[in-house]
Amino acid sequence: MIVALVVATLPITYFRDEATAAGGRPAWWLAGRIARNVAGVVLIVVGILLSIPGVPGQGLLTLLAGVVLVDFPGRHRAARAIARWRGVLLGINRLRALLGRPPLVPPD
């Protein structure tokens, strides 16, 4: 469910646009940021486990959702690199189609 929520809320040009820094956040935003990073780390670990041969599941999509959630330098570049892997963007766009969202524009 978290993967579907992350994929559904991405803007269609997420892999094309450069990340922008946002300032002036309210104090409660820090708690949300911490929760988002914890969820992202959990998704990255689960994505790695699901990527092991023989383990069923969408490992690369889960890994990408985790990378999108976690704050670290180069996050946007890493997310674009994962989206370029064969079948990842196709899987994301299939999930978005099921959720009634337009497809993401592929990275350069």
C-alpha atoms as a PDB file:
ATOM      1  CA  MET A   1       0.000   0.000   0.000  1.00  0.00           C
ATOM      2  CA  ILE A   2       2.859   2.396   0.768  1.00  0.00           C
ATOM      3  CA  VAL A   3       4.455   1.702  -2.612  1.00  0.00           C
ATOM      4  CA  ALA A   4       1.161   2.414  -4.387  1.00  0.00           C
ATOM      5  CA  LEU A   5       0.710   5.643  -2.403  1.00  0.00           C
ATOM      6  CA  VAL A   6       4.232   6.851  -3.219  1.00  0.00           C
ATOM      7  CA  VAL A   7       3.927   5.950  -6.908  1.00  0.00           C
ATOM      8  CA  ALA A   8       0.469   7.529  -7.202  1.00  0.00           C
ATOM      9  CA  THR A   9       1.529  10.850  -5.687  1.00  0.00           C
ATOM     10  CA  LEU A  10       4.616  11.411  -7.847  1.00  0.00           C
ATOM     11  CA  PRO A  11       4.232  14.265 -10.333  1.00  0.00           C
ATOM     12  CA  ILE A  12       4.373  13.044 -13.934  1.00  0.00           C
ATOM     13  CA  THR A  13       7.668  14.877 -14.548  1.00  0.00           C
ATOM     14  CA  TYR A  14       9.362  13.575 -11.375  1.00  0.00           C
ATOM     15  CA  PHE A  15      12.196  11.867 -13.264  1.00  0.00           C
ATOM     16  CA  ARG A  16      12.734  14.859 -15.572  1.00  0.00           C
ATOM     17  CA  ASP A  17      12.668  17.785 -13.128  1.00  0.00           C
ATOM     18  CA  GLU A  18      15.523  18.677 -10.825  1.00  0.00           C
ATOM     19  CA  ALA A  19      14.781  18.482  -7.118  1.00  0.00           C
ATOM     20  CA  THR A  20      14.076  21.830  -5.510  1.00  0.00           C
ATOM     21  CA  ALA A  21      14.784  22.748  -1.910  1.00  0.00           C
ATOM     22  CA  ALA A  22      11.820  24.000   0.076  1.00  0.00           C
ATOM     23  CA  GLY A  23      12.124  26.164   3.145  1.00  0.00           C
ATOM     24  CA  GLY A  24       9.853  27.784   5.712  1.00  0.00           C
ATOM     25  CA  ARG A  25       8.289  24.558   6.967  1.00  0.00           C
ATOM     26  CA  PRO A  26       6.178  24.409  10.152  1.00  0.00           C
ATOM     27  CA  ALA A  27       7.566  22.666  13.237  1.00  0.00           C
ATOM     28  CA  TRP A  28       5.395  19.534  12.819  1.00  0.00           C
ATOM     29  CA  TRP A  29       6.992  18.969   9.425  1.00  0.00           C
ATOM     30  CA  LEU A  30      10.095  17.510  11.141  1.00  0.00           C
ATOM     31  CA  ALA A  31       8.049  14.634  12.588  1.00  0.00           C
ATOM     32  CA  GLY A  32       6.636  13.877   9.150  1.00  0.00           C
ATOM     33  CA  ARG A  33      10.097  14.002   7.622  1.00  0.00           C
ATOM     34  CA  ILE A  34      11.440  11.537  10.195  1.00  0.00           C
ATOM     35  CA  ALA A  35       8.492   9.173   9.613  1.00  0.00           C
ATOM     36  CA  ARG A  36       8.989   9.439   5.846  1.00  0.00           C
ATOM     37  CA  ASN A  37      12.685   8.566   6.148  1.00  0.00           C
ATOM     38  CA  VAL A  38      11.982   5.586   8.425  1.00  0.00           C
ATOM     39  CA  ALA A  39       9.348   4.306   5.988  1.00  0.00           C
ATOM     40  CA  GLY A  40      11.804   4.829   3.125  1.00  0.00           C
ATOM     41  CA  VAL A  41      14.554   2.830   4.832  1.00  0.00           C
ATOM     42  CA  VAL A  42      12.093   0.012   5.555  1.00  0.00           C
ATOM     43  CA  LEU A  43      11.007  -0.023   1.891  1.00  0.00           C
ATOM     44  CA  ILE A  44      14.630  -0.087   0.724  1.00  0.00           C
ATOM     45  CA  VAL A  45      15.395  -3.094   2.943  1.00  0.00           C
ATOM     46  CA  VAL A  46      12.217  -4.893   1.854  1.00  0.00           C
ATOM     47  CA  GLY A  47      12.979  -4.049  -1.794  1.00  0.00           C
ATOM     48  CA  ILE A  48      16.453  -5.557  -1.487  1.00  0.00           C
ATOM     49  CA  LEU A  49      14.999  -8.699   0.087  1.00  0.00           C
ATOM     50  CA  LEU A  50      12.355  -8.983  -2.635  1.00  0.00           C
ATOM     51  CA  SER A  51      15.058  -8.618  -5.303  1.00  0.00           C
ATOM     52  CA  ILE A  52      16.717 -11.856  -4.208  1.00  0.00           C
ATOM     53  CA  PRO A  53      16.085 -14.569  -6.814  1.00  0.00           C
ATOM     54  CA  GLY A  54      13.336 -16.930  -5.722  1.00  0.00           C
ATOM     55  CA  VAL A  55      11.594 -14.415  -3.457  1.00  0.00           C
ATOM     56  CA  PRO A  56       8.289 -13.326  -5.002  1.00  0.00           C
ATOM     57  CA  GLY A  57       7.438  -9.629  -5.183  1.00  0.00           C
ATOM     58  CA  GLN A  58       8.184  -6.344  -6.894  1.00  0.00           C
ATOM     59  CA  GLY A  59      11.622  -5.717  -5.429  1.00  0.00           C
ATOM     60  CA  LEU A  60      12.775  -2.940  -7.747  1.00  0.00           C
ATOM     61  CA  LEU A  61       9.535  -0.968  -7.444  1.00  0.00           C
ATOM     62  CA  THR A  62       9.673  -1.241  -3.666  1.00  0.00           C
ATOM     63  CA  LEU A  63      13.326  -0.208  -3.685  1.00  0.00           C
ATOM     64  CA  LEU A  64      12.539   2.804  -5.881  1.00  0.00           C
ATOM     65  CA  ALA A  65       9.673   3.866  -3.604  1.00  0.00           C
ATOM     66  CA  GLY A  66      12.063   3.724  -0.649  1.00  0.00           C
ATOM     67  CA  VAL A  67      14.697   5.790  -2.445  1.00  0.00           C
ATOM     68  CA  VAL A  68      12.072   8.408  -3.328  1.00  0.00           C
ATOM     69  CA  LEU A  69      11.063   8.709   0.343  1.00  0.00           C
ATOM     70  CA  VAL A  70      14.511   8.898   1.972  1.00  0.00           C
ATOM     71  CA  ASP A  71      16.375  12.212   2.158  1.00  0.00           C
ATOM     72  CA  PHE A  72      20.031  11.936   1.168  1.00  0.00           C
ATOM     73  CA  PRO A  73      22.333  13.825  -1.191  1.00  0.00           C
ATOM     74  CA  GLY A  74      21.892  12.519  -4.723  1.00  0.00           C
ATOM     75  CA  ARG A  75      18.500  10.955  -4.016  1.00  0.00           C
ATOM     76  CA  HIS A  76      16.912  12.329  -7.164  1.00  0.00           C
ATOM     77  CA  ARG A  77      19.823  11.127  -9.310  1.00  0.00           C
ATOM     78  CA  ALA A  78      19.602   7.647  -7.722  1.00  0.00           C
ATOM     79  CA  ALA A  79      15.840   7.489  -8.321  1.00  0.00           C
ATOM     80  CA  ARG A  80      16.357   8.394 -11.977  1.00  0.00           C
ATOM     81  CA  ALA A  81      19.023   5.706 -12.339  1.00  0.00           C
ATOM     82  CA  ILE A  82      16.697   3.048 -10.886  1.00  0.00           C
ATOM     83  CA  ALA A  83      13.849   4.227 -13.145  1.00  0.00           C
ATOM     84  CA  ARG A  84      16.098   3.625 -16.166  1.00  0.00           C
ATOM     85  CA  TRP A  85      16.453  -0.083 -15.296  1.00  0.00           C
ATOM     86  CA  ARG A  86      14.556  -2.336 -17.652  1.00  0.00           C
ATOM     87  CA  GLY A  87      10.925  -2.768 -16.690  1.00  0.00           C
ATOM     88  CA  VAL A  88      10.889  -0.469 -13.650  1.00  0.00           C
ATOM     89  CA  LEU A  89       9.208   2.520 -15.305  1.00  0.00           C
ATOM     90  CA  LEU A  90       6.867   0.145 -17.126  1.00  0.00           C
ATOM     91  CA  GLY A  91       5.819  -1.365 -13.784  1.00  0.00           C
ATOM     92  CA  ILE A  92       5.369   2.067 -12.224  1.00  0.00           C
ATOM     93  CA  ASN A  93       3.197   3.249 -15.093  1.00  0.00           C
ATOM     94  CA  ARG A  94       1.079   0.067 -14.955  1.00  0.00           C
ATOM     95  CA  LEU A  95       0.462   0.666 -11.246  1.00  0.00           C
ATOM     96  CA  ARG A  96      -0.371   4.321 -11.920  1.00  0.00           C
ATOM     97  CA  ALA A  97      -2.817   3.250 -14.660  1.00  0.00           C
ATOM     98  CA  LEU A  98      -4.576   0.949 -12.184  1.00  0.00           C
ATOM     99  CA  LEU A  99      -4.879   3.905  -9.807  1.00  0.00           C
ATOM    100  CA  GLY A 100      -6.239   6.181 -12.566  1.00  0.00           C
ATOM    101  CA  ARG A 101      -3.114   8.381 -12.723  1.00  0.00           C
ATOM    102  CA  PRO A 102      -1.277   9.511 -15.895  1.00  0.00           C
ATOM    103  CA  PRO A 103       2.038   7.772 -16.733  1.00  0.00           C
ATOM    104  CA  LEU A 104       5.363   9.229 -15.620  1.00  0.00           C
ATOM    105  CA  VAL A 105       7.602  10.830 -18.231  1.00  0.00           C
ATOM    106  CA  PRO A 106      10.769   8.712 -18.634  1.00  0.00           C
ATOM    107  CA  PRO A 107      14.114  10.121 -17.461  1.00  0.00           C
ATOM    108  CA  ASP A 108      16.483  11.597 -20.040  1.00  0.00           C
END
